[in-house]
């Protein structure tokens, strides 16, 4: 699942605003990747249903601006 999520991120056009609607597992993969570059932090986040995570930047460097 992690590799599929990251492969998807690689094809996004980061010069545009992207919206990803996904289940908890995929969102945790994405958050973990952007925070640590791996699955090491996958279980460190509690993301509730309907939550919003906002990242800014690009695939190589992004930062979390909101996790609600």
N, C-alpha and C. Protein backbone atom coordinates (compact mmCIF):
# COMPACT_ATOMS: atom_id res chain seq x y z
N UNK A 1 0.83 -1.19 0.00
CA UNK A 1 0.00 0.00 0.00
C UNK A 1 0.88 1.26 0.00
N UNK A 2 1.94 1.24 0.81
CA UNK A 2 2.84 2.39 0.90
C UNK A 2 3.45 2.70 -0.47
N UNK A 3 3.95 1.68 -1.15
CA UNK A 3 4.57 1.90 -2.46
C UNK A 3 3.57 2.43 -3.49
N UNK A 4 2.34 1.95 -3.46
CA UNK A 4 1.30 2.45 -4.38
C UNK A 4 1.01 3.92 -4.10
N UNK A 5 0.93 4.29 -2.83
CA UNK A 5 0.66 5.69 -2.47
C UNK A 5 1.78 6.60 -2.94
N UNK A 6 3.03 6.18 -2.74
CA UNK A 6 4.17 7.00 -3.13
C UNK A 6 4.28 7.07 -4.65
N UNK A 7 4.01 5.97 -5.34
CA UNK A 7 4.01 5.99 -6.81
C UNK A 7 2.98 6.98 -7.33
N UNK A 8 1.83 7.03 -6.68
CA UNK A 8 0.80 8.00 -7.06
C UNK A 8 1.29 9.43 -6.85
N UNK A 9 1.94 9.69 -5.72
CA UNK A 9 2.45 11.04 -5.45
C UNK A 9 3.45 11.49 -6.50
N UNK A 10 4.24 10.56 -7.00
CA UNK A 10 5.28 10.90 -7.97
C UNK A 10 4.71 11.40 -9.29
N UNK A 11 3.49 11.03 -9.63
CA UNK A 11 2.92 11.45 -10.91
C UNK A 11 2.09 12.73 -10.79
N UNK A 12 1.93 13.26 -9.58
CA UNK A 12 1.16 14.50 -9.41
C UNK A 12 1.93 15.69 -9.96
N UNK A 13 1.20 16.68 -10.44
CA UNK A 13 1.79 17.94 -10.90
C UNK A 13 1.81 18.89 -9.72
N UNK A 14 2.98 19.05 -9.10
CA UNK A 14 3.09 19.86 -7.89
C UNK A 14 3.11 21.36 -8.19
N UNK A 15 3.03 21.74 -9.47
CA UNK A 15 2.88 23.16 -9.79
C UNK A 15 1.42 23.58 -9.64
N UNK A 16 0.55 22.60 -9.44
CA UNK A 16 -0.88 22.85 -9.25
C UNK A 16 -1.30 22.42 -7.85
N UNK A 17 -2.49 22.84 -7.45
CA UNK A 17 -3.07 22.38 -6.19
C UNK A 17 -3.68 21.01 -6.43
N UNK A 18 -3.36 20.05 -5.57
CA UNK A 18 -3.88 18.69 -5.69
C UNK A 18 -4.73 18.36 -4.48
N UNK A 19 -5.83 17.69 -4.72
CA UNK A 19 -6.70 17.21 -3.65
C UNK A 19 -6.72 15.69 -3.70
N UNK A 20 -6.41 15.08 -2.57
CA UNK A 20 -6.43 13.62 -2.48
C UNK A 20 -7.48 13.25 -1.43
N UNK A 21 -8.45 12.48 -1.84
CA UNK A 21 -9.47 11.97 -0.92
C UNK A 21 -9.20 10.48 -0.80
N UNK A 22 -8.89 10.04 0.43
CA UNK A 22 -8.50 8.64 0.61
C UNK A 22 -8.85 8.17 2.01
N UNK A 23 -8.73 6.87 2.22
CA UNK A 23 -8.99 6.31 3.54
C UNK A 23 -7.77 6.50 4.44
N UNK A 24 -7.96 6.18 5.70
CA UNK A 24 -6.95 6.41 6.73
C UNK A 24 -5.59 5.81 6.37
N UNK A 25 -5.57 4.60 5.86
CA UNK A 25 -4.31 3.93 5.57
C UNK A 25 -3.46 4.67 4.56
N UNK A 26 -4.08 5.13 3.49
CA UNK A 26 -3.36 5.87 2.45
C UNK A 26 -2.91 7.22 2.99
N UNK A 27 -3.78 7.91 3.71
CA UNK A 27 -3.41 9.21 4.27
C UNK A 27 -2.23 9.05 5.22
N UNK A 28 -2.24 8.02 6.06
CA UNK A 28 -1.11 7.79 6.96
C UNK A 28 0.17 7.48 6.19
N UNK A 29 0.07 6.75 5.10
CA UNK A 29 1.25 6.50 4.26
C UNK A 29 1.82 7.81 3.74
N UNK A 30 0.95 8.68 3.24
CA UNK A 30 1.40 9.96 2.68
C UNK A 30 2.00 10.84 3.75
N UNK A 31 1.33 10.96 4.89
CA UNK A 31 1.85 11.79 5.99
C UNK A 31 3.19 11.23 6.46
N UNK A 32 3.27 9.93 6.64
CA UNK A 32 4.52 9.31 7.09
C UNK A 32 5.64 9.55 6.09
N UNK A 33 5.34 9.42 4.81
CA UNK A 33 6.38 9.64 3.79
C UNK A 33 6.89 11.07 3.83
N UNK A 34 5.98 12.03 3.87
CA UNK A 34 6.41 13.43 3.86
C UNK A 34 7.09 13.85 5.16
N UNK A 35 6.77 13.20 6.28
CA UNK A 35 7.42 13.53 7.55
C UNK A 35 8.78 12.85 7.68
N UNK A 36 8.85 11.55 7.37
CA UNK A 36 10.09 10.81 7.64
C UNK A 36 10.73 10.18 6.40
N UNK A 37 10.02 10.16 5.28
CA UNK A 37 10.57 9.52 4.08
C UNK A 37 10.42 8.01 4.07
N UNK A 38 9.72 7.48 5.07
CA UNK A 38 9.54 6.02 5.15
C UNK A 38 8.27 5.72 5.96
N UNK A 39 8.08 4.45 6.24
CA UNK A 39 6.93 4.04 7.06
C UNK A 39 7.21 4.12 8.56
N UNK A 40 8.38 4.61 8.94
CA UNK A 40 8.77 4.63 10.36
C UNK A 40 7.78 5.37 11.25
N UNK A 41 7.10 6.37 10.72
CA UNK A 41 6.18 7.16 11.54
C UNK A 41 4.71 6.85 11.26
N UNK A 42 4.45 5.76 10.55
CA UNK A 42 3.08 5.42 10.15
C UNK A 42 2.11 5.37 11.33
N UNK A 43 2.50 4.77 12.43
CA UNK A 43 1.62 4.62 13.59
C UNK A 43 1.72 5.78 14.56
N UNK A 44 2.43 6.83 14.22
CA UNK A 44 2.62 7.97 15.12
C UNK A 44 1.52 9.03 15.00
N UNK A 45 0.60 8.85 14.05
CA UNK A 45 -0.44 9.84 13.80
C UNK A 45 -1.81 9.23 14.02
N UNK A 46 -2.67 9.97 14.69
CA UNK A 46 -4.05 9.57 14.84
C UNK A 46 -4.88 10.51 13.98
N UNK A 47 -5.34 10.01 12.87
CA UNK A 47 -6.10 10.82 11.93
C UNK A 47 -7.54 10.32 11.96
N UNK A 48 -8.45 11.20 12.30
CA UNK A 48 -9.86 10.84 12.42
C UNK A 48 -10.55 10.90 11.05
N UNK A 49 -11.70 10.24 10.95
CA UNK A 49 -12.51 10.32 9.73
C UNK A 49 -12.85 11.76 9.43
N UNK A 50 -12.76 12.13 8.18
CA UNK A 50 -13.09 13.49 7.76
C UNK A 50 -12.00 14.50 8.04
N UNK A 51 -10.83 14.04 8.46
CA UNK A 51 -9.73 14.96 8.76
C UNK A 51 -9.14 15.56 7.49
N UNK A 52 -8.46 16.66 7.67
CA UNK A 52 -7.80 17.35 6.57
C UNK A 52 -6.32 17.47 6.90
N UNK A 53 -5.48 17.05 5.97
CA UNK A 53 -4.03 17.23 6.09
C UNK A 53 -3.59 18.08 4.91
N UNK A 54 -2.90 19.16 5.18
CA UNK A 54 -2.44 20.05 4.11
C UNK A 54 -0.92 20.09 4.11
N UNK A 55 -0.35 19.76 2.96
CA UNK A 55 1.09 19.86 2.75
C UNK A 55 1.34 20.90 1.66
N UNK A 56 2.43 21.61 1.79
CA UNK A 56 2.85 22.54 0.76
C UNK A 56 4.26 22.17 0.33
N UNK A 57 4.61 22.51 -0.89
CA UNK A 57 5.94 22.20 -1.40
C UNK A 57 5.85 21.32 -2.62
N UNK A 58 6.81 20.41 -2.76
CA UNK A 58 6.82 19.49 -3.89
C UNK A 58 7.18 18.09 -3.39
N UNK A 59 7.39 17.17 -4.31
CA UNK A 59 7.63 15.78 -3.90
C UNK A 59 8.92 15.64 -3.11
N UNK A 60 9.96 16.38 -3.50
CA UNK A 60 11.25 16.26 -2.81
C UNK A 60 11.26 16.97 -1.46
N UNK A 61 10.54 18.08 -1.35
CA UNK A 61 10.51 18.83 -0.09
C UNK A 61 9.12 19.39 0.13
N UNK A 62 8.46 18.90 1.14
CA UNK A 62 7.14 19.43 1.48
C UNK A 62 7.05 19.56 2.99
N UNK A 63 6.16 20.40 3.43
CA UNK A 63 5.99 20.60 4.86
C UNK A 63 4.51 20.62 5.20
N UNK A 64 4.21 20.12 6.38
CA UNK A 64 2.84 20.01 6.86
C UNK A 64 2.39 21.37 7.38
N UNK A 65 1.30 21.90 6.83
CA UNK A 65 0.79 23.19 7.30
C UNK A 65 -0.48 23.03 8.12
N UNK A 66 -1.16 21.87 8.00
CA UNK A 66 -2.38 21.66 8.78
C UNK A 66 -2.66 20.17 8.90
N UNK A 67 -3.01 19.74 10.09
CA UNK A 67 -3.49 18.38 10.32
C UNK A 67 -4.64 18.50 11.29
N UNK A 68 -5.85 18.33 10.77
CA UNK A 68 -7.05 18.58 11.56
C UNK A 68 -7.91 17.33 11.60
